[in-house]
Amino acid sequence: MFMEIKGIKNSDKIKLILSFTEYSKLMPGSKKEIKKVTTHILQEMKNKGEKISMLTAYDYSMARIIDNAGIDVILVGDSASNVMAGHETTLPITLDQMIYHASSVVRAVNRALIVVDLPFGSYQGNSKEALQSSVRIMKESGAHAVKLEGGKEVKESIERILSAGIPVMGHLGLTPQSIYKFGTYSVRAKEKVEAKALLEDAELLEKSGCFGLVLEKIPANLATSVSSRVKIPVIGIGAGGGVDGQVLVLHDMLGITNEFSPRFLRRYANVYESMTKGVKKYISDVKARDFPNANEQY
């Protein structure tokens, strides 16, 4: 369309041919359109062989940073029980607390797909409760999907949640909510019987309608086999590079928590050390009456 722009330095009128989209970019307050990540886009990424990036987040500030950085999926994980509340396991966190964390994340995010863990006790053994828990998460937080742990034992819950149009991501291998059953956080499915059962559960989750699957701490060759056997995206944590994407706990990969160092964890920063230095310098400046100075007061 033809538009006329005035006031260009020499005040000449310059006629430009601009499309509506191009012209709108010049208008005050116009924003670049952001393409949101959906379950459909994740499937397309797997089909094209494009790796999927996924990190946890539990609050507005952190979620805003990783979303702006371009992360594909944000998991509001029940690991908040550990890194945010200081519990030894993921079991104590409640549905209300998960909704609180998820709501904080949703307010920060413009692009990433937001998946929320169903906490322990909110879905196991009762498919009606599983649906009610999932509906609460979706309605009260505004998240995009839920995730739950287990295979055939949660099939009924998955199908009931899906019947309400709520996307579900599965989780197999090391399932932290079952820590007291296993008694250890060691690698799962190393033996043939358990590996075969995991493969069967992965196929069952796909058939049940899950849009994706997390595999935690299993042998890399088994994870690769699962990823090739199912058509849905498979995200790994401690499951090697033969899957469709990776997920880590944000506090671990940034080095905010420094006492947790499994083999699969790569630290991309040492925020614990940086924050400690910053806080110590602040304390020193306050004690020495160096802060605030004349330029830092009214």
Protein backbone atom coordinates (compact mmCIF):
# COMPACT_ATOMS: atom_id res chain seq x y z
CA MET A 1 0.00 0.00 0.00
CA PHE A 2 1.13 3.59 -0.58
CA MET A 3 1.98 5.63 2.51
CA GLU A 4 3.44 9.10 2.79
CA ILE A 5 6.09 9.85 5.42
CA LYS A 6 6.87 13.47 6.31
CA GLY A 7 9.74 15.19 8.11
CA ILE A 8 12.71 13.30 6.71
CA LYS A 9 15.66 15.65 7.43
CA ASN A 10 15.37 17.75 4.25
CA SER A 11 11.59 17.81 4.75
CA ASP A 12 11.00 16.35 1.30
CA LYS A 13 8.03 14.10 0.93
CA ILE A 14 9.15 10.60 0.18
CA LYS A 15 6.74 8.12 -1.25
CA LEU A 16 7.40 4.53 -0.27
CA ILE A 17 5.67 1.34 -1.21
CA LEU A 18 5.14 -0.60 1.97
CA SER A 19 3.19 -3.72 2.78
CA PHE A 20 0.82 -3.43 5.71
CA THR A 21 3.12 -5.62 7.82
CA GLU A 22 6.20 -3.53 7.04
CA TYR A 23 4.36 -0.29 7.78
CA SER A 24 3.06 -1.60 11.10
CA LYS A 25 6.63 -2.19 12.24
CA LEU A 26 7.22 1.57 12.03
CA MET A 27 4.22 2.42 14.20
CA PRO A 28 4.85 3.33 17.86
CA GLY A 29 4.32 0.46 20.24
CA SER A 30 4.38 -2.19 17.53
CA LYS A 31 5.93 -5.50 18.60
CA LYS A 32 7.57 -8.24 16.63
CA GLU A 33 5.26 -11.22 16.37
CA ILE A 34 6.42 -14.13 18.50
CA LYS A 35 5.74 -17.64 17.28
CA LYS A 36 4.62 -19.64 20.30
CA VAL A 37 5.84 -23.20 20.77
CA THR A 38 3.00 -25.73 20.77
CA THR A 39 2.78 -29.51 21.01
CA HIS A 40 2.33 -29.51 17.22
CA ILE A 41 5.57 -27.56 16.73
CA LEU A 42 7.43 -30.01 19.00
CA GLN A 43 6.20 -32.85 16.79
CA GLU A 44 7.39 -30.99 13.71
CA MET A 45 10.79 -30.50 15.36
CA LYS A 46 11.11 -34.25 15.93
CA ASN A 47 10.02 -34.99 12.36
CA LYS A 48 12.68 -32.60 11.02
CA GLY A 49 15.38 -33.87 13.37
CA GLU A 50 15.63 -30.53 15.21
CA LYS A 51 16.60 -30.96 18.86
CA ILE A 52 14.25 -29.66 21.56
CA SER A 53 15.58 -27.60 24.48
CA MET A 54 13.81 -27.82 27.83
CA LEU A 55 14.59 -26.36 31.28
CA THR A 56 12.77 -26.09 34.57
CA ALA A 57 11.60 -22.78 36.05
CA TYR A 58 9.52 -21.98 39.09
CA ASP A 59 9.29 -18.18 39.28
CA TYR A 60 8.69 -15.10 37.13
CA SER A 61 12.25 -13.75 36.98
CA MET A 62 13.97 -16.98 35.96
CA ALA A 63 11.22 -17.93 33.50
CA ARG A 64 11.46 -14.53 31.83
CA ILE A 65 15.21 -14.92 31.32
CA ILE A 66 15.10 -18.40 29.78
CA ASP A 67 12.06 -17.61 27.64
CA ASN A 68 13.79 -14.52 26.22
CA ALA A 69 16.86 -16.66 25.60
CA GLY A 70 14.79 -18.90 23.31
CA ILE A 71 14.09 -22.07 25.31
CA ASP A 72 11.50 -24.32 23.64
CA VAL A 73 9.82 -25.87 26.68
CA ILE A 74 9.66 -24.79 30.32
CA LEU A 75 8.88 -27.47 32.86
CA VAL A 76 7.41 -26.25 36.12
CA GLY A 77 8.79 -29.30 37.84
CA ASP A 78 7.96 -30.81 41.19
CA SER A 79 11.72 -30.43 41.69
CA ALA A 80 10.60 -27.07 43.15
CA SER A 81 10.16 -29.18 46.27
CA ASN A 82 13.95 -29.60 46.35
CA VAL A 83 15.46 -26.42 44.93
CA MET A 84 12.85 -23.89 46.09
CA ALA A 85 11.60 -25.39 49.36
CA GLY A 86 14.61 -27.43 50.48
CA HIS A 87 12.87 -30.78 50.83
CA GLU A 88 14.85 -33.99 50.43
CA THR A 89 12.39 -35.43 47.88
CA THR A 90 9.71 -34.19 45.49
CA LEU A 91 6.92 -35.79 47.50
CA PRO A 92 5.97 -32.95 49.92
CA ILE A 93 5.02 -30.31 47.33
CA THR A 94 1.27 -29.77 47.02
CA LEU A 95 -1.05 -29.07 44.10
CA ASP A 96 -1.68 -25.54 45.41
CA GLN A 97 2.06 -24.89 45.52
CA MET A 98 2.54 -26.21 41.98
CA ILE A 99 -0.24 -23.91 40.75
CA TYR A 100 1.45 -20.96 42.50
CA HIS A 101 4.78 -21.68 40.81
CA ALA A 102 3.13 -22.32 37.44
CA SER A 103 1.16 -19.06 37.61
CA SER A 104 4.38 -17.13 38.25
CA VAL A 105 6.03 -18.75 35.23
CA VAL A 106 3.05 -18.20 32.92
CA ARG A 107 3.09 -14.44 33.60
CA ALA A 108 6.70 -14.28 32.38
CA VAL A 109 6.54 -16.34 29.21
CA ASN A 110 5.76 -15.24 25.66
CA ARG A 111 7.16 -18.11 23.56
CA ALA A 112 7.88 -21.39 25.34
CA LEU A 113 5.45 -24.26 25.89
CA ILE A 114 4.78 -24.53 29.64
CA VAL A 115 4.39 -28.02 31.11
CA VAL A 116 3.49 -28.52 34.78
CA ASP A 117 4.20 -31.60 36.88
CA LEU A 118 1.25 -33.20 38.60
CA PRO A 119 2.53 -33.58 42.17
CA PHE A 120 2.61 -36.80 44.16
CA GLY A 121 -0.84 -37.85 45.35
CA SER A 122 -2.78 -35.77 42.83
CA TYR A 123 -3.29 -38.45 40.18
CA GLN A 124 -2.11 -41.92 41.26
CA GLY A 125 -4.85 -44.51 41.66
CA ASN A 126 -7.75 -42.14 41.00
CA SER A 127 -8.38 -40.99 37.44
CA LYS A 128 -11.15 -38.60 38.51
CA GLU A 129 -8.78 -36.86 40.90
CA ALA A 130 -6.15 -36.80 38.15
CA LEU A 131 -8.58 -34.95 35.89
CA GLN A 132 -9.60 -32.53 38.64
CA SER A 133 -5.95 -31.79 39.44
CA SER A 134 -5.14 -31.19 35.79
CA VAL A 135 -8.16 -28.94 35.27
CA ARG A 136 -7.13 -26.84 38.27
CA ILE A 137 -3.60 -26.44 36.90
CA MET A 138 -4.85 -25.37 33.48
CA LYS A 139 -7.58 -23.02 34.76
CA GLU A 140 -5.75 -21.43 37.68
CA SER A 141 -2.25 -21.11 36.21
CA GLY A 142 -2.81 -20.78 32.48
CA ALA A 143 -0.21 -23.46 31.67
CA HIS A 144 -0.30 -25.45 28.43
CA ALA A 145 0.12 -29.09 29.50
CA VAL A 146 0.68 -31.43 32.44
CA LYS A 147 3.26 -34.16 33.07
CA LEU A 148 2.94 -37.28 35.17
CA GLU A 149 5.12 -40.24 36.04
CA GLY A 150 4.47 -43.87 35.22
CA GLY A 151 3.36 -46.29 32.52
CA LYS A 152 0.47 -48.72 32.40
CA GLU A 153 -0.48 -48.01 36.01
CA VAL A 154 -1.49 -44.43 35.10
CA LYS A 155 -3.06 -45.21 31.70
CA GLU A 156 -6.60 -44.58 32.94
CA SER A 157 -5.60 -41.22 34.44
CA ILE A 158 -3.91 -40.16 31.20
CA GLU A 159 -6.94 -41.04 29.10
CA ARG A 160 -9.32 -39.21 31.44
CA ILE A 161 -7.12 -36.08 31.42
CA LEU A 162 -6.90 -36.19 27.64
CA SER A 163 -10.69 -36.52 27.41
CA ALA A 164 -10.88 -32.94 28.69
CA GLY A 165 -8.54 -31.71 25.94
CA ILE A 166 -5.54 -31.30 28.25
CA PRO A 167 -2.19 -32.28 26.68
CA VAL A 168 -0.21 -34.85 28.68
CA MET A 169 3.52 -35.57 28.76
CA GLY A 170 4.70 -38.89 30.17
CA HIS A 171 7.76 -39.69 32.30
CA LEU A 172 9.53 -43.06 32.50
CA GLY A 173 12.78 -44.44 33.85
CA LEU A 174 13.83 -42.94 37.15
CA THR A 175 10.59 -41.53 38.52
CA PRO A 176 11.44 -39.42 41.60
CA GLN A 177 7.93 -39.64 43.07
CA SER A 178 8.55 -43.38 43.49
CA ILE A 179 11.88 -42.95 45.27
CA TYR A 180 10.78 -44.85 48.37
CA LYS A 181 9.65 -47.76 46.21
CA PHE A 182 13.01 -47.96 44.39
CA GLY A 183 15.09 -46.91 47.40
CA THR A 184 17.78 -45.33 45.21
CA TYR A 185 18.37 -42.70 42.52
CA SER A 186 20.57 -45.06 40.50
CA VAL A 187 20.19 -45.75 36.77
CA ARG A 188 16.98 -47.57 35.85
CA ALA A 189 16.23 -50.25 33.22
CA LYS A 190 19.74 -51.71 33.03
CA GLU A 191 18.35 -55.24 33.13
CA LYS A 192 16.52 -56.78 30.15
CA VAL A 193 13.22 -57.30 31.95
CA GLU A 194 12.93 -53.69 33.11
CA ALA A 195 14.18 -52.39 29.76
CA LYS A 196 11.50 -54.40 27.92
CA ALA A 197 8.82 -53.12 30.30
CA LEU A 198 9.98 -49.52 29.74
CA LEU A 199 9.77 -49.92 25.96
CA GLU A 200 6.26 -51.32 26.29
CA ASP A 201 5.23 -48.45 28.57
CA ALA A 202 6.64 -45.88 26.12
CA GLU A 203 4.57 -47.37 23.30
CA LEU A 204 1.52 -47.50 25.57
CA LEU A 205 1.92 -43.81 26.50
CA GLU A 206 2.13 -42.90 22.83
CA LYS A 207 -0.93 -44.99 22.00
CA SER A 208 -2.82 -43.44 24.93
CA GLY A 209 -2.29 -40.00 23.43
CA CYS A 210 0.68 -38.42 25.22
CA PHE A 211 2.27 -35.68 23.08
CA GLY A 212 5.74 -36.31 24.48
CA LEU A 213 7.80 -38.32 26.91
CA VAL A 214 10.63 -37.67 29.39
CA LEU A 215 13.16 -40.46 29.96
CA GLU A 216 15.22 -40.02 33.12
CA LYS A 217 18.48 -41.74 33.98
CA ILE A 218 18.36 -44.82 31.77
CA PRO A 219 21.04 -46.37 29.51
CA ALA A 220 21.69 -44.25 26.40
CA ASN A 221 21.18 -47.14 23.97
CA LEU A 222 17.76 -47.90 25.48
CA ALA A 223 16.73 -44.23 25.26
CA THR A 224 17.81 -44.13 21.62
CA SER A 225 15.75 -47.24 20.94
CA VAL A 226 12.67 -45.70 22.57
CA SER A 227 13.07 -42.49 20.56
CA SER A 228 13.23 -44.45 17.32
CA ARG A 229 10.31 -46.72 18.23
CA VAL A 230 7.79 -43.98 19.13
CA LYS A 231 6.73 -41.10 16.91
CA ILE A 232 6.23 -38.58 19.73
CA PRO A 233 9.12 -36.37 20.96
CA VAL A 234 11.33 -37.96 23.61
CA ILE A 235 13.19 -35.68 26.02
CA GLY A 236 16.09 -37.06 27.99
CA ILE A 237 17.77 -36.27 31.30
CA GLY A 238 20.69 -38.56 31.90
CA ALA A 239 19.55 -40.61 28.90
CA GLY A 240 22.23 -39.82 26.30
CA GLY A 241 22.13 -37.87 23.06
CA GLY A 242 20.03 -40.23 20.94
CA VAL A 243 16.73 -38.70 22.01
CA ASP A 244 14.84 -35.72 20.55
CA GLY A 245 15.75 -33.17 23.21
CA GLN A 246 17.24 -32.53 26.62
CA VAL A 247 15.99 -31.19 29.95
CA LEU A 248 17.91 -30.08 33.03
CA VAL A 249 16.98 -28.45 36.32
CA LEU A 250 17.79 -24.76 35.87
CA HIS A 251 19.34 -24.36 39.32
CA ASP A 252 21.69 -27.28 38.63
CA MET A 253 22.88 -26.23 35.17
CA LEU A 254 23.47 -22.62 36.29
CA GLY A 255 25.43 -23.73 39.34
CA ILE A 256 23.02 -22.19 41.84
CA THR A 257 22.95 -25.54 43.62
CA ASN A 258 26.52 -26.77 43.99
CA GLU A 259 26.17 -29.98 46.00
CA PHE A 260 24.47 -32.01 43.22
CA SER A 261 26.85 -33.36 40.56
CA PRO A 262 25.57 -36.40 38.65
CA ARG A 263 27.39 -37.54 35.53
CA PHE A 264 24.72 -36.17 33.17
CA LEU A 265 24.87 -32.61 34.55
CA ARG A 266 26.87 -29.98 32.68
CA ARG A 267 27.21 -26.67 34.52
CA TYR A 268 26.96 -23.68 32.20
CA ALA A 269 27.64 -21.09 34.92
CA ASN A 270 28.68 -20.81 38.55
CA VAL A 271 25.97 -18.53 39.90
CA TYR A 272 26.52 -19.74 43.48
CA GLU A 273 30.07 -18.40 43.44
CA SER A 274 29.13 -15.15 41.67
CA MET A 275 26.27 -14.45 44.07
CA THR A 276 28.41 -15.25 47.10
CA LYS A 277 31.08 -12.79 45.94
CA GLY A 278 28.46 -10.12 45.24
CA VAL A 279 26.78 -10.51 48.63
CA LYS A 280 30.13 -10.46 50.47
CA LYS A 281 31.14 -7.26 48.65
CA TYR A 282 27.79 -5.67 49.55
CA ILE A 283 28.26 -6.59 53.22
CA SER A 284 31.80 -5.20 53.16
CA ASP A 285 30.68 -1.91 51.57
CA VAL A 286 27.87 -1.47 54.10
CA LYS A 287 30.17 -2.17 57.04
CA ALA A 288 32.81 0.22 55.67
CA ARG A 289 30.18 2.96 55.11
CA ASP A 290 31.07 2.93 51.40
CA PHE A 291 27.48 2.16 50.40
CA PRO A 292 25.56 4.27 49.75
CA ASN A 293 27.84 7.05 48.48
CA ALA A 294 26.90 10.63 47.61
CA ASN A 295 25.67 9.61 44.16
CA GLU A 296 23.43 6.88 45.54
CA GLN A 297 21.20 8.99 47.76
CA TYR A 298 18.55 11.70 47.35
